[in-house]
Amino acid sequence: MGNVVEMMGKFLEFKEKQVETEIMQQERARSNVHEDEFPILVCIAVVDSMEDMSDDEKVLAYDVFKDPQNRAIFMTAKDST
């Protein structure tokens, strides 16, 4: 009986690790989609084409683009904003 309990415990540990690994892989896949969806080079090119922004403002924008969510917001916002 002791062997069965021990085997079940090991099986449960294995399944927990398997689920954790799957969750981590899904999270990585989601974050990679966001990063690739709005590449930093494209965002910088858009900012560089904005003639009404000063060079200082452009440099500040480049720093903001380090975050994938900020790039997504920038690229999906309306032109007037």
PDB file of N, CA and C in Angstrom:
ATOM      1  N   MET A   1       0.822  -1.203   0.000  1.00  0.00           N
ATOM      2  CA  MET A   1       0.000   0.000   0.000  1.00  0.00           C
ATOM      3  C   MET A   1       0.863   1.264   0.000  1.00  0.00           C
ATOM      4  N   GLY A   2       2.009   1.197   0.721  1.00  0.00           N
ATOM      5  CA  GLY A   2       2.908   2.347   0.796  1.00  0.00           C
ATOM      6  C   GLY A   2       3.469   2.727  -0.555  1.00  0.00           C
ATOM      7  N   ASN A   3       3.763   1.720  -1.383  1.00  0.00           N
ATOM      8  CA  ASN A   3       4.305   1.991  -2.717  1.00  0.00           C
ATOM      9  C   ASN A   3       3.290   2.711  -3.595  1.00  0.00           C
ATOM     10  N   VAL A   4       2.034   2.345  -3.466  1.00  0.00           N
ATOM     11  CA  VAL A   4       0.985   2.971  -4.268  1.00  0.00           C
ATOM     12  C   VAL A   4       0.852   4.441  -3.890  1.00  0.00           C
ATOM     13  N   VAL A   5       0.868   4.734  -2.604  1.00  0.00           N
ATOM     14  CA  VAL A   5       0.752   6.117  -2.136  1.00  0.00           C
ATOM     15  C   VAL A   5       1.950   6.926  -2.621  1.00  0.00           C
ATOM     16  N   GLU A   6       3.140   6.331  -2.526  1.00  0.00           N
ATOM     17  CA  GLU A   6       4.347   7.012  -2.978  1.00  0.00           C
ATOM     18  C   GLU A   6       4.301   7.269  -4.478  1.00  0.00           C
ATOM     19  N   MET A   7       3.867   6.276  -5.241  1.00  0.00           N
ATOM     20  CA  MET A   7       3.768   6.429  -6.694  1.00  0.00           C
ATOM     21  C   MET A   7       2.746   7.497  -7.069  1.00  0.00           C
ATOM     22  N   MET A   8       1.617   7.525  -6.357  1.00  0.00           N
ATOM     23  CA  MET A   8       0.593   8.544  -6.636  1.00  0.00           C
ATOM     24  C   MET A   8       1.128   9.945  -6.321  1.00  0.00           C
ATOM     25  N   GLY A   9       1.878  10.058  -5.241  1.00  0.00           N
ATOM     26  CA  GLY A   9       2.474  11.347  -4.889  1.00  0.00           C
ATOM     27  C   GLY A   9       3.430  11.824  -5.963  1.00  0.00           C
ATOM     28  N   LYS A  10       4.277  10.917  -6.461  1.00  0.00           N
ATOM     29  CA  LYS A  10       5.217  11.268  -7.524  1.00  0.00           C
ATOM     30  C   LYS A  10       4.483  11.624  -8.814  1.00  0.00           C
ATOM     31  N   PHE A  11       3.407  10.892  -9.086  1.00  0.00           N
ATOM     32  CA  PHE A  11       2.617  11.187 -10.285  1.00  0.00           C
ATOM     33  C   PHE A  11       2.008  12.584 -10.190  1.00  0.00           C
ATOM     34  N   LEU A  12       1.471  12.931  -9.027  1.00  0.00           N
ATOM     35  CA  LEU A  12       0.877  14.257  -8.839  1.00  0.00           C
ATOM     36  C   LEU A  12       1.936  15.357  -8.988  1.00  0.00           C
ATOM     37  N   GLU A  13       3.123  15.136  -8.441  1.00  0.00           N
ATOM     38  CA  GLU A  13       4.210  16.110  -8.599  1.00  0.00           C
ATOM     39  C   GLU A  13       4.563  16.284 -10.070  1.00  0.00           C
ATOM     40  N   PHE A  14       4.632  15.172 -10.787  1.00  0.00           N
ATOM     41  CA  PHE A  14       4.941  15.213 -12.216  1.00  0.00           C
ATOM     42  C   PHE A  14       3.887  16.021 -12.977  1.00  0.00           C
ATOM     43  N   LYS A  15       2.609  15.768 -12.693  1.00  0.00           N
ATOM     44  CA  LYS A  15       1.529  16.478 -13.392  1.00  0.00           C
ATOM     45  C   LYS A  15       1.552  17.975 -13.064  1.00  0.00           C
ATOM     46  N   GLU A  16       1.848  18.316 -11.804  1.00  0.00           N
ATOM     47  CA  GLU A  16       1.922  19.727 -11.433  1.00  0.00           C
ATOM     48  C   GLU A  16       3.031  20.435 -12.209  1.00  0.00           C
ATOM     49  N   LYS A  17       4.190  19.795 -12.302  1.00  0.00           N
ATOM     50  CA  LYS A  17       5.298  20.382 -13.054  1.00  0.00           C
ATOM     51  C   LYS A  17       4.948  20.508 -14.531  1.00  0.00           C
ATOM     52  N   GLN A  18       4.245  19.510 -15.048  1.00  0.00           N
ATOM     53  CA  GLN A  18       3.841  19.534 -16.453  1.00  0.00           C
ATOM     54  C   GLN A  18       2.904  20.712 -16.721  1.00  0.00           C
ATOM     55  N   VAL A  19       1.952  20.941 -15.841  1.00  0.00           N
ATOM     56  CA  VAL A  19       1.011  22.050 -15.994  1.00  0.00           C
ATOM     57  C   VAL A  19       1.754  23.384 -15.899  1.00  0.00           C
ATOM     58  N   GLU A  20       2.672  23.498 -14.936  1.00  0.00           N
ATOM     59  CA  GLU A  20       3.455  24.734 -14.793  1.00  0.00           C
ATOM     60  C   GLU A  20       4.251  25.017 -16.067  1.00  0.00           C
ATOM     61  N   THR A  21       4.857  23.998 -16.631  1.00  0.00           N
ATOM     62  CA  THR A  21       5.629  24.153 -17.867  1.00  0.00           C
ATOM     63  C   THR A  21       4.738  24.612 -19.011  1.00  0.00           C
ATOM     64  N   GLU A  22       3.568  24.030 -19.138  1.00  0.00           N
ATOM     65  CA  GLU A  22       2.638  24.421 -20.199  1.00  0.00           C
ATOM     66  C   GLU A  22       2.195  25.865 -20.039  1.00  0.00           C
ATOM     67  N   ILE A  23       1.919  26.277 -18.809  1.00  0.00           N
ATOM     68  CA  ILE A  23       1.498  27.660 -18.548  1.00  0.00           C
ATOM     69  C   ILE A  23       2.615  28.624 -18.927  1.00  0.00           C
ATOM     70  N   MET A  24       3.855  28.291 -18.548  1.00  0.00           N
ATOM     71  CA  MET A  24       4.990  29.157 -18.889  1.00  0.00           C
ATOM     72  C   MET A  24       5.170  29.248 -20.396  1.00  0.00           C
ATOM     73  N   GLN A  25       5.001  28.147 -21.103  1.00  0.00           N
ATOM     74  CA  GLN A  25       5.135  28.165 -22.563  1.00  0.00           C
ATOM     75  C   GLN A  25       4.050  29.025 -23.207  1.00  0.00           C
ATOM     76  N   GLN A  26       2.836  28.936 -22.677  1.00  0.00           N
ATOM     77  CA  GLN A  26       1.742  29.746 -23.213  1.00  0.00           C
ATOM     78  C   GLN A  26       2.000  31.232 -22.975  1.00  0.00           C
ATOM     79  N   GLU A  27       2.495  31.568 -21.782  1.00  0.00           N
ATOM     80  CA  GLU A  27       2.789  32.969 -21.472  1.00  0.00           C
ATOM     81  C   GLU A  27       3.893  33.507 -22.381  1.00  0.00           C
ATOM     82  N   ARG A  28       4.922  32.696 -22.622  1.00  0.00           N
ATOM     83  CA  ARG A  28       5.990  33.118 -23.524  1.00  0.00           C
ATOM     84  C   ARG A  28       5.466  33.325 -24.931  1.00  0.00           C
ATOM     85  N   ALA A  29       4.605  32.427 -25.369  1.00  0.00           N
ATOM     86  CA  ALA A  29       4.047  32.534 -26.717  1.00  0.00           C
ATOM     87  C   ALA A  29       3.231  33.811 -26.847  1.00  0.00           C
ATOM     88  N   ARG A  30       2.431  34.121 -25.827  1.00  0.00           N
ATOM     89  CA  ARG A  30       1.628  35.346 -25.858  1.00  0.00           C
ATOM     90  C   ARG A  30       2.503  36.585 -25.884  1.00  0.00           C
ATOM     91  N   SER A  31       3.534  36.624 -25.055  1.00  0.00           N
ATOM     92  CA  SER A  31       4.390  37.807 -25.019  1.00  0.00           C
ATOM     93  C   SER A  31       5.176  37.954 -26.314  1.00  0.00           C
ATOM     94  N   ASN A  32       5.578  36.862 -26.942  1.00  0.00           N
ATOM     95  CA  ASN A  32       6.291  36.934 -28.215  1.00  0.00           C
ATOM     96  C   ASN A  32       5.410  37.491 -29.314  1.00  0.00           C
ATOM     97  N   VAL A  33       4.131  37.160 -29.298  1.00  0.00           N
ATOM     98  CA  VAL A  33       3.211  37.687 -30.307  1.00  0.00           C
ATOM     99  C   VAL A  33       3.132  39.196 -30.185  1.00  0.00           C
ATOM    100  N   HIS A  34       3.026  39.698 -28.945  1.00  0.00           N
ATOM    101  CA  HIS A  34       2.923  41.144 -28.750  1.00  0.00           C
ATOM    102  C   HIS A  34       4.195  41.844 -29.173  1.00  0.00           C
ATOM    103  N   GLU A  35       5.340  41.259 -28.849  1.00  0.00           N
ATOM    104  CA  GLU A  35       6.596  41.895 -29.203  1.00  0.00           C
ATOM    105  C   GLU A  35       6.775  41.941 -30.716  1.00  0.00           C
ATOM    106  N   ASP A  36       6.406  40.882 -31.404  1.00  0.00           N
ATOM    107  CA  ASP A  36       6.591  40.818 -32.841  1.00  0.00           C
ATOM    108  C   ASP A  36       5.502  41.581 -33.598  1.00  0.00           C
ATOM    109  N   GLU A  37       4.379  41.777 -32.965  1.00  0.00           N
ATOM    110  CA  GLU A  37       3.262  42.423 -33.642  1.00  0.00           C
ATOM    111  C   GLU A  37       3.580  43.884 -33.982  1.00  0.00           C
ATOM    112  N   PHE A  38       4.277  44.561 -33.081  1.00  0.00           N
ATOM    113  CA  PHE A  38       4.642  45.962 -33.284  1.00  0.00           C
ATOM    114  C   PHE A  38       6.143  46.118 -33.007  1.00  0.00           C
ATOM    115  N   PRO A  39       6.974  45.800 -33.991  1.00  0.00           N
ATOM    116  CA  PRO A  39       8.432  45.875 -33.783  1.00  0.00           C
ATOM    117  C   PRO A  39       8.887  47.288 -33.442  1.00  0.00           C
ATOM    118  N   ILE A  40       9.876  47.358 -32.610  1.00  0.00           N
ATOM    119  CA  ILE A  40      10.384  48.653 -32.158  1.00  0.00           C
ATOM    120  C   ILE A  40      10.898  49.493 -33.330  1.00  0.00           C
ATOM    121  N   LEU A  41      11.485  48.851 -34.321  1.00  0.00           N
ATOM    122  CA  LEU A  41      11.998  49.598 -35.480  1.00  0.00           C
ATOM    123  C   LEU A  41      10.881  50.290 -36.256  1.00  0.00           C
ATOM    124  N   VAL A  42       9.731  49.656 -36.337  1.00  0.00           N
ATOM    125  CA  VAL A  42       8.592  50.260 -37.030  1.00  0.00           C
ATOM    126  C   VAL A  42       8.093  51.471 -36.239  1.00  0.00           C
ATOM    127  N   CYS A  43       8.002  51.318 -34.921  1.00  0.00           N
ATOM    128  CA  CYS A  43       7.547  52.438 -34.088  1.00  0.00           C
ATOM    129  C   CYS A  43       8.495  53.626 -34.201  1.00  0.00           C
ATOM    130  N   ILE A  44       9.780  53.352 -34.191  1.00  0.00           N
ATOM    131  CA  ILE A  44      10.770  54.430 -34.314  1.00  0.00           C
ATOM    132  C   ILE A  44      10.655  55.113 -35.676  1.00  0.00           C
ATOM    133  N   ALA A  45      10.433  54.343 -36.711  1.00  0.00           N
ATOM    134  CA  ALA A  45      10.278  54.919 -38.043  1.00  0.00           C
ATOM    135  C   ALA A  45       9.064  55.847 -38.098  1.00  0.00           C
ATOM    136  N   VAL A  46       7.986  55.452 -37.443  1.00  0.00           N
ATOM    137  CA  VAL A  46       6.782  56.301 -37.415  1.00  0.00           C
ATOM    138  C   VAL A  46       7.084  57.601 -36.684  1.00  0.00           C
ATOM    139  N   VAL A  47       7.739  57.500 -35.534  1.00  0.00           N
ATOM    140  CA  VAL A  47       8.073  58.709 -34.766  1.00  0.00           C
ATOM    141  C   VAL A  47       9.013  59.598 -35.568  1.00  0.00           C
ATOM    142  N   ASP A  48       9.996  59.008 -36.225  1.00  0.00           N
ATOM    143  CA  ASP A  48      10.938  59.804 -37.020  1.00  0.00           C
ATOM    144  C   ASP A  48      10.239  60.557 -38.151  1.00  0.00           C
ATOM    145  N   SER A  49       9.138  60.024 -38.633  1.00  0.00           N
ATOM    146  CA  SER A  49       8.416  60.688 -39.723  1.00  0.00           C
ATOM    147  C   SER A  49       7.518  61.822 -39.228  1.00  0.00           C
ATOM    148  N   MET A  50       7.371  61.955 -37.932  1.00  0.00           N
ATOM    149  CA  MET A  50       6.521  63.004 -37.364  1.00  0.00           C
ATOM    150  C   MET A  50       7.324  64.297 -37.266  1.00  0.00           C
ATOM    151  N   GLU A  51       7.025  65.202 -38.162  1.00  0.00           N
ATOM    152  CA  GLU A  51       7.794  66.437 -38.258  1.00  0.00           C
ATOM    153  C   GLU A  51       7.505  67.418 -37.123  1.00  0.00           C
ATOM    154  N   ASP A  52       6.351  67.288 -36.482  1.00  0.00           N
ATOM    155  CA  ASP A  52       5.997  68.247 -35.437  1.00  0.00           C
ATOM    156  C   ASP A  52       6.577  67.881 -34.068  1.00  0.00           C
ATOM    157  N   MET A  53       7.342  66.799 -33.981  1.00  0.00           N
ATOM    158  CA  MET A  53       7.975  66.411 -32.716  1.00  0.00           C
ATOM    159  C   MET A  53       9.425  66.880 -32.691  1.00  0.00           C
ATOM    160  N   SER A  54       9.846  67.378 -31.532  1.00  0.00           N
ATOM    161  CA  SER A  54      11.253  67.781 -31.391  1.00  0.00           C
ATOM    162  C   SER A  54      12.125  66.533 -31.231  1.00  0.00           C
ATOM    163  N   ASP A  55      13.409  66.721 -31.393  1.00  0.00           N
ATOM    164  CA  ASP A  55      14.338  65.604 -31.220  1.00  0.00           C
ATOM    165  C   ASP A  55      14.280  65.063 -29.787  1.00  0.00           C
ATOM    166  N   ASP A  56      14.128  65.946 -28.817  1.00  0.00           N
ATOM    167  CA  ASP A  56      14.036  65.518 -27.415  1.00  0.00           C
ATOM    168  C   ASP A  56      12.787  64.654 -27.183  1.00  0.00           C
ATOM    169  N   GLU A  57      11.687  65.052 -27.777  1.00  0.00           N
ATOM    170  CA  GLU A  57      10.458  64.263 -27.653  1.00  0.00           C
ATOM    171  C   GLU A  57      10.609  62.892 -28.298  1.00  0.00           C
ATOM    172  N   LYS A  58      11.295  62.858 -29.418  1.00  0.00           N
ATOM    173  CA  LYS A  58      11.518  61.579 -30.101  1.00  0.00           C
ATOM    174  C   LYS A  58      12.368  60.640 -29.257  1.00  0.00           C
ATOM    175  N   VAL A  59      13.391  61.175 -28.625  1.00  0.00           N
ATOM    176  CA  VAL A  59      14.252  60.351 -27.761  1.00  0.00           C
ATOM    177  C   VAL A  59      13.433  59.782 -26.601  1.00  0.00           C
ATOM    178  N   LEU A  60      12.562  60.584 -26.027  1.00  0.00           N
ATOM    179  CA  LEU A  60      11.701  60.091 -24.945  1.00  0.00           C
ATOM    180  C   LEU A  60      10.776  58.979 -25.446  1.00  0.00           C
ATOM    181  N   ALA A  61      10.274  59.142 -26.647  1.00  0.00           N
ATOM    182  CA  ALA A  61       9.392  58.117 -27.222  1.00  0.00           C
ATOM    183  C   ALA A  61      10.144  56.809 -27.415  1.00  0.00           C
ATOM    184  N   TYR A  62      11.384  56.885 -27.848  1.00  0.00           N
ATOM    185  CA  TYR A  62      12.172  55.663 -28.057  1.00  0.00           C
ATOM    186  C   TYR A  62      12.279  54.864 -26.769  1.00  0.00           C
ATOM    187  N   ASP A  63      12.459  55.548 -25.664  1.00  0.00           N
ATOM    188  CA  ASP A  63      12.577  54.863 -24.372  1.00  0.00           C
ATOM    189  C   ASP A  63      11.265  54.172 -24.006  1.00  0.00           C
ATOM    190  N   VAL A  64      10.160  54.812 -24.326  1.00  0.00           N
ATOM    191  CA  VAL A  64       8.837  54.242 -24.041  1.00  0.00           C
ATOM    192  C   VAL A  64       8.616  52.966 -24.851  1.00  0.00           C
ATOM    193  N   PHE A  65       9.206  52.883 -26.026  1.00  0.00           N
ATOM    194  CA  PHE A  65       9.003  51.735 -26.908  1.00  0.00           C
ATOM    195  C   PHE A  65       9.692  50.459 -26.426  1.00  0.00           C
ATOM    196  N   LYS A  66      10.444  50.525 -25.352  1.00  0.00           N
ATOM    197  CA  LYS A  66      11.066  49.315 -24.806  1.00  0.00           C
ATOM    198  C   LYS A  66      10.009  48.338 -24.302  1.00  0.00           C
ATOM    199  N   ASP A  67       8.846  48.844 -23.960  1.00  0.00           N
ATOM    200  CA  ASP A  67       7.747  48.012 -23.450  1.00  0.00           C
ATOM    201  C   ASP A  67       6.821  47.642 -24.610  1.00  0.00           C
ATOM    202  N   PRO A  68       6.595  46.341 -24.850  1.00  0.00           N
ATOM    203  CA  PRO A  68       5.729  45.911 -25.957  1.00  0.00           C
ATOM    204  C   PRO A  68       4.310  46.475 -25.870  1.00  0.00           C
ATOM    205  N   GLN A  69       3.784  46.623 -24.668  1.00  0.00           N
ATOM    206  CA  GLN A  69       2.436  47.174 -24.524  1.00  0.00           C
ATOM    207  C   GLN A  69       2.390  48.635 -24.961  1.00  0.00           C
ATOM    208  N   ASN A  70       3.434  49.377 -24.635  1.00  0.00           N
ATOM    209  CA  ASN A  70       3.485  50.779 -25.069  1.00  0.00           C
ATOM    210  C   ASN A  70       3.549  50.889 -26.585  1.00  0.00           C
ATOM    211  N   ARG A  71       4.291  49.984 -27.214  1.00  0.00           N
ATOM    212  CA  ARG A  71       4.352  49.989 -28.682  1.00  0.00           C
ATOM    213  C   ARG A  71       2.981  49.703 -29.274  1.00  0.00           C
ATOM    214  N   ALA A  72       2.269  48.751 -28.683  1.00  0.00           N
ATOM    215  CA  ALA A  72       0.932  48.404 -29.174  1.00  0.00           C
ATOM    216  C   ALA A  72      -0.017  49.588 -29.026  1.00  0.00           C
ATOM    217  N   ILE A  73       0.052  50.268 -27.901  1.00  0.00           N
ATOM    218  CA  ILE A  73      -0.804  51.434 -27.686  1.00  0.00           C
ATOM    219  C   ILE A  73      -0.487  52.509 -28.716  1.00  0.00           C
ATOM    220  N   PHE A  74       0.787  52.782 -28.918  1.00  0.00           N
ATOM    221  CA  PHE A  74       1.207  53.814 -29.870  1.00  0.00           C
ATOM    222  C   PHE A  74       0.728  53.500 -31.284  1.00  0.00           C
ATOM    223  N   MET A  75       0.904  52.255 -31.684  1.00  0.00           N
ATOM    224  CA  MET A  75       0.586  51.891 -33.065  1.00  0.00           C
ATOM    225  C   MET A  75      -0.912  51.766 -33.323  1.00  0.00           C
ATOM    226  N   THR A  76      -1.707  51.566 -32.286  1.00  0.00           N
ATOM    227  CA  THR A  76      -3.141  51.395 -32.488  1.00  0.00           C
ATOM    228  C   THR A  76      -3.953  52.641 -32.144  1.00  0.00           C
ATOM    229  N   ALA A  77      -3.317  53.626 -31.531  1.00  0.00           N
ATOM    230  CA  ALA A  77      -4.035  54.859 -31.196  1.00  0.00           C
ATOM    231  C   ALA A  77      -4.361  55.624 -32.471  1.00  0.00           C
ATOM    232  N   LYS A  78      -5.409  56.431 -32.407  1.00  0.00           N
ATOM    233  CA  LYS A  78      -5.783  57.258 -33.549  1.00  0.00           C
ATOM    234  C   LYS A  78      -4.707  58.296 -33.826  1.00  0.00           C
ATOM    235  N   ASP A  79      -4.586  58.691 -35.069  1.00  0.00           N
ATOM    236  CA  ASP A  79      -3.562  59.655 -35.468  1.00  0.00           C
ATOM    237  C   ASP A  79      -3.679  60.969 -34.704  1.00  0.00           C
ATOM    238  N   SER A  80      -4.868  61.370 -34.377  1.00  0.00           N
ATOM    239  CA  SER A  80      -5.063  62.667 -33.726  1.00  0.00           C
ATOM    240  C   SER A  80      -4.544  62.673 -32.290  1.00  0.00           C
ATOM    241  N   THR A  81      -4.330  61.493 -31.716  1.00  0.00           N
ATOM    242  CA  THR A  81      -3.843  61.453 -30.336  1.00  0.00           C
ATOM    243  C   THR A  81      -2.345  61.339 -30.318  1.00  0.00           C
TER     244      THR A  81
END
